[in-house]
């Protein structure tokens, strides 16, 4: 279970990093594309959002199925 969550979190960070790199990279000027956002950057950000929503739903589903349990914080007395 932890492996899946860590793997998806790494995918989210990878998509965010690739979108950042694509945002900072200068594109060669092409005919009619001046000022238009890069479609690859938009796809990377959409992938990041999709992975985040999927991870949230997977955690909710895992809790509903009883695969994970909340542990809370230990109380020192």
PDB file of N, CA and C in Angstrom:
ATOM      1  N   UNK A   1       0.819  -1.185   0.000  1.00  0.00           N
ATOM      2  CA  UNK A   1       0.000   0.000   0.000  1.00  0.00           C
ATOM      3  C   UNK A   1       0.869   1.257   0.000  1.00  0.00           C
ATOM      4  N   UNK A   2       1.865   1.264   0.878  1.00  0.00           N
ATOM      5  CA  UNK A   2       2.757   2.423   0.938  1.00  0.00           C
ATOM      6  C   UNK A   2       3.522   2.594  -0.370  1.00  0.00           C
ATOM      7  N   UNK A   3       3.865   1.472  -0.989  1.00  0.00           N
ATOM      8  CA  UNK A   3       4.608   1.524  -2.242  1.00  0.00           C
ATOM      9  C   UNK A   3       3.799   2.220  -3.331  1.00  0.00           C
ATOM     10  N   UNK A   4       2.509   1.924  -3.401  1.00  0.00           N
ATOM     11  CA  UNK A   4       1.644   2.540  -4.417  1.00  0.00           C
ATOM     12  C   UNK A   4       1.543   4.042  -4.179  1.00  0.00           C
ATOM     13  N   UNK A   5       1.356   4.429  -2.924  1.00  0.00           N
ATOM     14  CA  UNK A   5       1.218   5.848  -2.599  1.00  0.00           C
ATOM     15  C   UNK A   5       2.502   6.599  -2.915  1.00  0.00           C
ATOM     16  N   UNK A   6       3.641   6.034  -2.546  1.00  0.00           N
ATOM     17  CA  UNK A   6       4.926   6.679  -2.829  1.00  0.00           C
ATOM     18  C   UNK A   6       5.167   6.762  -4.336  1.00  0.00           C
ATOM     19  N   UNK A   7       4.803   5.720  -5.057  1.00  0.00           N
ATOM     20  CA  UNK A   7       4.977   5.713  -6.510  1.00  0.00           C
ATOM     21  C   UNK A   7       4.136   6.805  -7.181  1.00  0.00           C
ATOM     22  N   UNK A   8       2.901   6.964  -6.752  1.00  0.00           N
ATOM     23  CA  UNK A   8       2.043   8.006  -7.320  1.00  0.00           C
ATOM     24  C   UNK A   8       2.554   9.393  -6.930  1.00  0.00           C
ATOM     25  N   UNK A   9       3.018   9.550  -5.689  1.00  0.00           N
ATOM     26  CA  UNK A   9       3.585  10.842  -5.282  1.00  0.00           C
ATOM     27  C   UNK A   9       4.812  11.198  -6.121  1.00  0.00           C
ATOM     28  N   UNK A  10       5.645  10.215  -6.419  1.00  0.00           N
ATOM     29  CA  UNK A  10       6.794  10.470  -7.291  1.00  0.00           C
ATOM     30  C   UNK A  10       6.346  10.838  -8.703  1.00  0.00           C
ATOM     31  N   UNK A  11       5.276  10.219  -9.186  1.00  0.00           N
ATOM     32  CA  UNK A  11       4.725  10.579 -10.482  1.00  0.00           C
ATOM     33  C   UNK A  11       4.197  12.008 -10.499  1.00  0.00           C
ATOM     34  N   UNK A  12       3.561  12.421  -9.400  1.00  0.00           N
ATOM     35  CA  UNK A  12       3.061  13.790  -9.288  1.00  0.00           C
ATOM     36  C   UNK A  12       4.219  14.775  -9.313  1.00  0.00           C
ATOM     37  N   UNK A  13       5.262  14.487  -8.547  1.00  0.00           N
ATOM     38  CA  UNK A  13       6.432  15.372  -8.530  1.00  0.00           C
ATOM     39  C   UNK A  13       7.136  15.397  -9.885  1.00  0.00           C
ATOM     40  N   UNK A  14       7.201  14.253 -10.559  1.00  0.00           N
ATOM     41  CA  UNK A  14       7.818  14.205 -11.891  1.00  0.00           C
ATOM     42  C   UNK A  14       7.041  15.031 -12.905  1.00  0.00           C
ATOM     43  N   UNK A  15       5.709  14.962 -12.854  1.00  0.00           N
ATOM     44  CA  UNK A  15       4.888  15.757 -13.768  1.00  0.00           C
ATOM     45  C   UNK A  15       5.045  17.242 -13.477  1.00  0.00           C
ATOM     46  N   UNK A  16       5.120  17.582 -12.186  1.00  0.00           N
ATOM     47  CA  UNK A  16       5.312  18.984 -11.822  1.00  0.00           C
ATOM     48  C   UNK A  16       6.679  19.489 -12.280  1.00  0.00           C
ATOM     49  N   UNK A  17       7.714  18.664 -12.126  1.00  0.00           N
ATOM     50  CA  UNK A  17       9.050  19.064 -12.557  1.00  0.00           C
ATOM     51  C   UNK A  17       9.123  19.209 -14.080  1.00  0.00           C
ATOM     52  N   UNK A  18       8.489  18.291 -14.800  1.00  0.00           N
ATOM     53  CA  UNK A  18       8.533  18.400 -16.259  1.00  0.00           C
ATOM     54  C   UNK A  18       7.768  19.630 -16.738  1.00  0.00           C
ATOM     55  N   UNK A  19       6.664  19.967 -16.074  1.00  0.00           N
ATOM     56  CA  UNK A  19       5.932  21.189 -16.439  1.00  0.00           C
ATOM     57  C   UNK A  19       6.780  22.422 -16.151  1.00  0.00           C
ATOM     58  N   UNK A  20       7.515  22.406 -15.052  1.00  0.00           N
ATOM     59  CA  UNK A  20       8.392  23.536 -14.739  1.00  0.00           C
ATOM     60  C   UNK A  20       9.503  23.701 -15.748  1.00  0.00           C
ATOM     61  N   UNK A  21      10.087  22.588 -16.153  1.00  0.00           N
ATOM     62  CA  UNK A  21      11.151  22.648 -17.160  1.00  0.00           C
ATOM     63  C   UNK A  21      10.593  23.152 -18.487  1.00  0.00           C
ATOM     64  N   UNK A  22       9.428  22.656 -18.866  1.00  0.00           N
ATOM     65  CA  UNK A  22       8.821  23.104 -20.122  1.00  0.00           C
ATOM     66  C   UNK A  22       8.429  24.575 -20.061  1.00  0.00           C
ATOM     67  N   UNK A  23       8.068  25.056 -18.886  1.00  0.00           N
ATOM     68  CA  UNK A  23       7.703  26.460 -18.747  1.00  0.00           C
ATOM     69  C   UNK A  23       8.933  27.353 -18.887  1.00  0.00           C
ATOM     70  N   UNK A  24      10.062  26.906 -18.352  1.00  0.00           N
ATOM     71  CA  UNK A  24      11.262  27.729 -18.374  1.00  0.00           C
ATOM     72  C   UNK A  24      12.041  27.630 -19.678  1.00  0.00           C
ATOM     73  N   UNK A  25      11.830  26.560 -20.432  1.00  0.00           N
ATOM     74  CA  UNK A  25      12.552  26.373 -21.688  1.00  0.00           C
ATOM     75  C   UNK A  25      12.003  27.319 -22.738  1.00  0.00           C
ATOM     76  N   UNK A  26      12.886  27.937 -23.473  1.00  0.00           N
ATOM     77  CA  UNK A  26      12.457  28.835 -24.543  1.00  0.00           C
ATOM     78  C   UNK A  26      12.169  28.015 -25.784  1.00  0.00           C
ATOM     79  N   UNK A  27      11.008  28.291 -26.368  1.00  0.00           N
ATOM     80  CA  UNK A  27      10.631  27.619 -27.603  1.00  0.00           C
ATOM     81  C   UNK A  27      11.094  28.444 -28.783  1.00  0.00           C
ATOM     82  N   UNK A  28      11.486  27.787 -29.857  1.00  0.00           N
ATOM     83  CA  UNK A  28      11.831  28.558 -31.056  1.00  0.00           C
ATOM     84  C   UNK A  28      10.580  29.222 -31.619  1.00  0.00           C
ATOM     85  N   UNK A  29      10.702  30.446 -32.094  1.00  0.00           N
ATOM     86  CA  UNK A  29       9.516  31.121 -32.634  1.00  0.00           C
ATOM     87  C   UNK A  29       9.042  30.431 -33.914  1.00  0.00           C
ATOM     88  N   UNK A  30       7.784  30.073 -33.911  1.00  0.00           N
ATOM     89  CA  UNK A  30       7.184  29.427 -35.083  1.00  0.00           C
ATOM     90  C   UNK A  30       6.078  30.333 -35.601  1.00  0.00           C
ATOM     91  N   UNK A  31       5.660  30.083 -36.784  1.00  0.00           N
ATOM     92  CA  UNK A  31       4.632  30.924 -37.403  1.00  0.00           C
ATOM     93  C   UNK A  31       3.308  30.777 -36.658  1.00  0.00           C
ATOM     94  N   UNK A  32       2.804  31.869 -36.102  1.00  0.00           N
ATOM     95  CA  UNK A  32       1.497  31.889 -35.464  1.00  0.00           C
ATOM     96  C   UNK A  32       1.436  31.337 -34.059  1.00  0.00           C
ATOM     97  N   UNK A  33       2.573  31.061 -33.413  1.00  0.00           N
ATOM     98  CA  UNK A  33       2.533  30.508 -32.065  1.00  0.00           C
ATOM     99  C   UNK A  33       3.045  31.493 -31.022  1.00  0.00           C
ATOM    100  N   UNK A  34       3.240  32.732 -31.390  1.00  0.00           N
ATOM    101  CA  UNK A  34       3.758  33.713 -30.441  1.00  0.00           C
ATOM    102  C   UNK A  34       2.738  33.961 -29.339  1.00  0.00           C
ATOM    103  N   UNK A  35       3.177  33.793 -28.096  1.00  0.00           N
ATOM    104  CA  UNK A  35       2.314  34.063 -26.965  1.00  0.00           C
ATOM    105  C   UNK A  35       1.384  32.926 -26.581  1.00  0.00           C
ATOM    106  N   UNK A  36       1.415  31.809 -27.302  1.00  0.00           N
ATOM    107  CA  UNK A  36       0.556  30.684 -26.960  1.00  0.00           C
ATOM    108  C   UNK A  36       1.272  29.763 -25.975  1.00  0.00           C
ATOM    109  N   UNK A  37       0.558  29.251 -24.979  1.00  0.00           N
ATOM    110  CA  UNK A  37       1.206  28.346 -24.014  1.00  0.00           C
ATOM    111  C   UNK A  37       1.553  27.015 -24.670  1.00  0.00           C
ATOM    112  N   UNK A  38       2.564  26.388 -24.141  1.00  0.00           N
ATOM    113  CA  UNK A  38       3.017  25.107 -24.664  1.00  0.00           C
ATOM    114  C   UNK A  38       2.006  24.021 -24.280  1.00  0.00           C
ATOM    115  N   UNK A  39       1.566  23.232 -25.250  1.00  0.00           N
ATOM    116  CA  UNK A  39       0.578  22.183 -24.983  1.00  0.00           C
ATOM    117  C   UNK A  39       1.162  21.073 -24.127  1.00  0.00           C
ATOM    118  N   UNK A  40       2.466  20.844 -24.261  1.00  0.00           N
ATOM    119  CA  UNK A  40       3.085  19.802 -23.437  1.00  0.00           C
ATOM    120  C   UNK A  40       3.083  20.188 -21.969  1.00  0.00           C
ATOM    121  N   UNK A  41       3.278  21.468 -21.673  1.00  0.00           N
ATOM    122  CA  UNK A  41       3.235  21.929 -20.287  1.00  0.00           C
ATOM    123  C   UNK A  41       1.825  21.764 -19.733  1.00  0.00           C
ATOM    124  N   UNK A  42       0.823  22.102 -20.521  1.00  0.00           N
ATOM    125  CA  UNK A  42      -0.563  21.955 -20.079  1.00  0.00           C
ATOM    126  C   UNK A  42      -0.901  20.489 -19.833  1.00  0.00           C
ATOM    127  N   UNK A  43      -0.396  19.602 -20.687  1.00  0.00           N
ATOM    128  CA  UNK A  43      -0.633  18.168 -20.483  1.00  0.00           C
ATOM    129  C   UNK A  43       0.043  17.667 -19.214  1.00  0.00           C
ATOM    130  N   UNK A  44       1.257  18.144 -18.939  1.00  0.00           N
ATOM    131  CA  UNK A  44       1.961  17.730 -17.725  1.00  0.00           C
ATOM    132  C   UNK A  44       1.220  18.203 -16.478  1.00  0.00           C
ATOM    133  N   UNK A  45       0.702  19.418 -16.514  1.00  0.00           N
ATOM    134  CA  UNK A  45      -0.055  19.913 -15.375  1.00  0.00           C
ATOM    135  C   UNK A  45      -1.379  19.176 -15.225  1.00  0.00           C
ATOM    136  N   UNK A  46      -2.024  18.845 -16.343  1.00  0.00           N
ATOM    137  CA  UNK A  46      -3.263  18.069 -16.285  1.00  0.00           C
ATOM    138  C   UNK A  46      -2.993  16.670 -15.738  1.00  0.00           C
ATOM    139  N   UNK A  47      -1.873  16.077 -16.110  1.00  0.00           N
ATOM    140  CA  UNK A  47      -1.492  14.773 -15.575  1.00  0.00           C
ATOM    141  C   UNK A  47      -1.276  14.856 -14.071  1.00  0.00           C
ATOM    142  N   UNK A  48      -0.631  15.925 -13.610  1.00  0.00           N
ATOM    143  CA  UNK A  48      -0.396  16.112 -12.180  1.00  0.00           C
ATOM    144  C   UNK A  48      -1.708  16.204 -11.419  1.00  0.00           C
ATOM    145  N   UNK A  49      -2.646  16.973 -11.949  1.00  0.00           N
ATOM    146  CA  UNK A  49      -3.951  17.107 -11.295  1.00  0.00           C
ATOM    147  C   UNK A  49      -4.687  15.769 -11.305  1.00  0.00           C
ATOM    148  N   UNK A  50      -4.634  15.066 -12.429  1.00  0.00           N
ATOM    149  CA  UNK A  50      -5.291  13.768 -12.516  1.00  0.00           C
ATOM    150  C   UNK A  50      -4.713  12.755 -11.542  1.00  0.00           C
ATOM    151  N   UNK A  51      -3.389  12.732 -11.426  1.00  0.00           N
ATOM    152  CA  UNK A  51      -2.749  11.820 -10.467  1.00  0.00           C
ATOM    153  C   UNK A  51      -3.098  12.188  -9.031  1.00  0.00           C
ATOM    154  N   UNK A  52      -3.180  13.479  -8.736  1.00  0.00           N
ATOM    155  CA  UNK A  52      -3.527  13.916  -7.387  1.00  0.00           C
ATOM    156  C   UNK A  52      -4.944  13.496  -7.022  1.00  0.00           C
ATOM    157  N   UNK A  53      -5.874  13.685  -7.939  1.00  0.00           N
ATOM    158  CA  UNK A  53      -7.260  13.287  -7.685  1.00  0.00           C
ATOM    159  C   UNK A  53      -7.357  11.770  -7.561  1.00  0.00           C
ATOM    160  N   UNK A  54      -6.656  11.046  -8.421  1.00  0.00           N
ATOM    161  CA  UNK A  54      -6.674   9.584  -8.360  1.00  0.00           C
ATOM    162  C   UNK A  54      -6.093   9.084  -7.039  1.00  0.00           C
ATOM    163  N   UNK A  55      -5.023   9.708  -6.564  1.00  0.00           N
ATOM    164  CA  UNK A  55      -4.429   9.310  -5.289  1.00  0.00           C
ATOM    165  C   UNK A  55      -5.398   9.568  -4.141  1.00  0.00           C
ATOM    166  N   UNK A  56      -6.050  10.722  -4.148  1.00  0.00           N
ATOM    167  CA  UNK A  56      -7.018  11.036  -3.106  1.00  0.00           C
ATOM    168  C   UNK A  56      -8.160  10.018  -3.103  1.00  0.00           C
ATOM    169  N   UNK A  57      -8.688   9.709  -4.283  1.00  0.00           N
ATOM    170  CA  UNK A  57      -9.770   8.728  -4.363  1.00  0.00           C
ATOM    171  C   UNK A  57      -9.306   7.335  -3.959  1.00  0.00           C
ATOM    172  N   UNK A  58      -8.073   6.988  -4.292  1.00  0.00           N
ATOM    173  CA  UNK A  58      -7.532   5.684  -3.903  1.00  0.00           C
ATOM    174  C   UNK A  58      -7.388   5.587  -2.390  1.00  0.00           C
ATOM    175  N   UNK A  59      -6.956   6.668  -1.743  1.00  0.00           N
ATOM    176  CA  UNK A  59      -6.833   6.656  -0.286  1.00  0.00           C
ATOM    177  C   UNK A  59      -8.215   6.545   0.365  1.00  0.00           C
ATOM    178  N   UNK A  60      -9.201   7.267  -0.159  1.00  0.00           N
ATOM    179  CA  UNK A  60     -10.566   7.143   0.370  1.00  0.00           C
ATOM    180  C   UNK A  60     -11.107   5.725   0.183  1.00  0.00           C
ATOM    181  N   UNK A  61     -10.887   5.157  -0.995  1.00  0.00           N
ATOM    182  CA  UNK A  61     -11.344   3.797  -1.262  1.00  0.00           C
ATOM    183  C   UNK A  61     -10.632   2.792  -0.350  1.00  0.00           C
ATOM    184  N   UNK A  62      -9.347   2.984  -0.125  1.00  0.00           N
ATOM    185  CA  UNK A  62      -8.591   2.083   0.746  1.00  0.00           C
ATOM    186  C   UNK A  62      -9.112   2.136   2.177  1.00  0.00           C
ATOM    187  N   UNK A  63      -9.459   3.327   2.632  1.00  0.00           N
ATOM    188  CA  UNK A  63     -10.023   3.456   3.975  1.00  0.00           C
ATOM    189  C   UNK A  63     -11.388   2.774   4.041  1.00  0.00           C
ATOM    190  N   UNK A  64     -12.207   2.967   3.013  1.00  0.00           N
ATOM    191  CA  UNK A  64     -13.538   2.360   2.974  1.00  0.00           C
ATOM    192  C   UNK A  64     -13.454   0.835   2.969  1.00  0.00           C
ATOM    193  N   UNK A  65     -12.449   0.288   2.268  1.00  0.00           N
ATOM    194  CA  UNK A  65     -12.283  -1.164   2.202  1.00  0.00           C
ATOM    195  C   UNK A  65     -11.607  -1.739   3.452  1.00  0.00           C
ATOM    196  N   UNK A  66     -11.062  -0.860   4.292  1.00  0.00           N
ATOM    197  CA  UNK A  66     -10.405  -1.331   5.507  1.00  0.00           C
ATOM    198  C   UNK A  66      -8.944  -1.692   5.317  1.00  0.00           C
ATOM    199  N   UNK A  67      -8.363  -1.319   4.185  1.00  0.00           N
ATOM    200  CA  UNK A  67      -6.960  -1.627   3.923  1.00  0.00           C
ATOM    201  C   UNK A  67      -6.030  -0.741   4.733  1.00  0.00           C
ATOM    202  N   UNK A  68      -6.477   0.452   5.058  1.00  0.00           N
ATOM    203  CA  UNK A  68      -5.682   1.365   5.879  1.00  0.00           C
ATOM    204  C   UNK A  68      -6.551   1.854   7.024  1.00  0.00           C
ATOM    205  N   UNK A  69      -5.910   2.165   8.133  1.00  0.00           N
ATOM    206  CA  UNK A  69      -6.616   2.643   9.321  1.00  0.00           C
ATOM    207  C   UNK A  69      -5.939   3.908   9.813  1.00  0.00           C
ATOM    208  N   UNK A  70      -6.704   4.879  10.270  1.00  0.00           N
ATOM    209  CA  UNK A  70      -6.090   6.073  10.849  1.00  0.00           C
ATOM    210  C   UNK A  70      -5.464   5.713  12.201  1.00  0.00           C
ATOM    211  N   UNK A  71      -4.280   6.238  12.446  1.00  0.00           N
ATOM    212  CA  UNK A  71      -3.607   5.946  13.701  1.00  0.00           C
ATOM    213  C   UNK A  71      -3.605   7.138  14.644  1.00  0.00           C
ATOM    214  N   UNK A  72      -3.739   8.333  14.128  1.00  0.00           N
ATOM    215  CA  UNK A  72      -3.736   9.508  14.982  1.00  0.00           C
ATOM    216  C   UNK A  72      -2.353   9.800  15.524  1.00  0.00           C
ATOM    217  N   UNK A  73      -2.279  10.776  16.365  1.00  0.00           N
ATOM    218  CA  UNK A  73      -1.023  11.143  16.994  1.00  0.00           C
ATOM    219  C   UNK A  73      -0.970  10.563  18.398  1.00  0.00           C
ATOM    220  N   UNK A  74       0.177  10.068  18.812  1.00  0.00           N
ATOM    221  CA  UNK A  74       0.279   9.548  20.190  1.00  0.00           C
ATOM    222  C   UNK A  74       0.172  10.700  21.194  1.00  0.00           C
ATOM    223  N   UNK A  75      -0.563  10.437  22.256  1.00  0.00           N
ATOM    224  CA  UNK A  75      -0.765  11.440  23.292  1.00  0.00           C
ATOM    225  C   UNK A  75       0.166  11.124  24.449  1.00  0.00           C
ATOM    226  N   UNK A  76       1.037  12.066  24.803  1.00  0.00           N
ATOM    227  CA  UNK A  76       1.951  11.855  25.922  1.00  0.00           C
ATOM    228  C   UNK A  76       1.261  12.305  27.211  1.00  0.00           C
ATOM    229  N   UNK A  77       1.235  11.436  28.198  1.00  0.00           N
ATOM    230  CA  UNK A  77       0.600  11.772  29.486  1.00  0.00           C
ATOM    231  C   UNK A  77       1.578  11.591  30.605  1.00  0.00           C
TER     232      UNK A  77
END
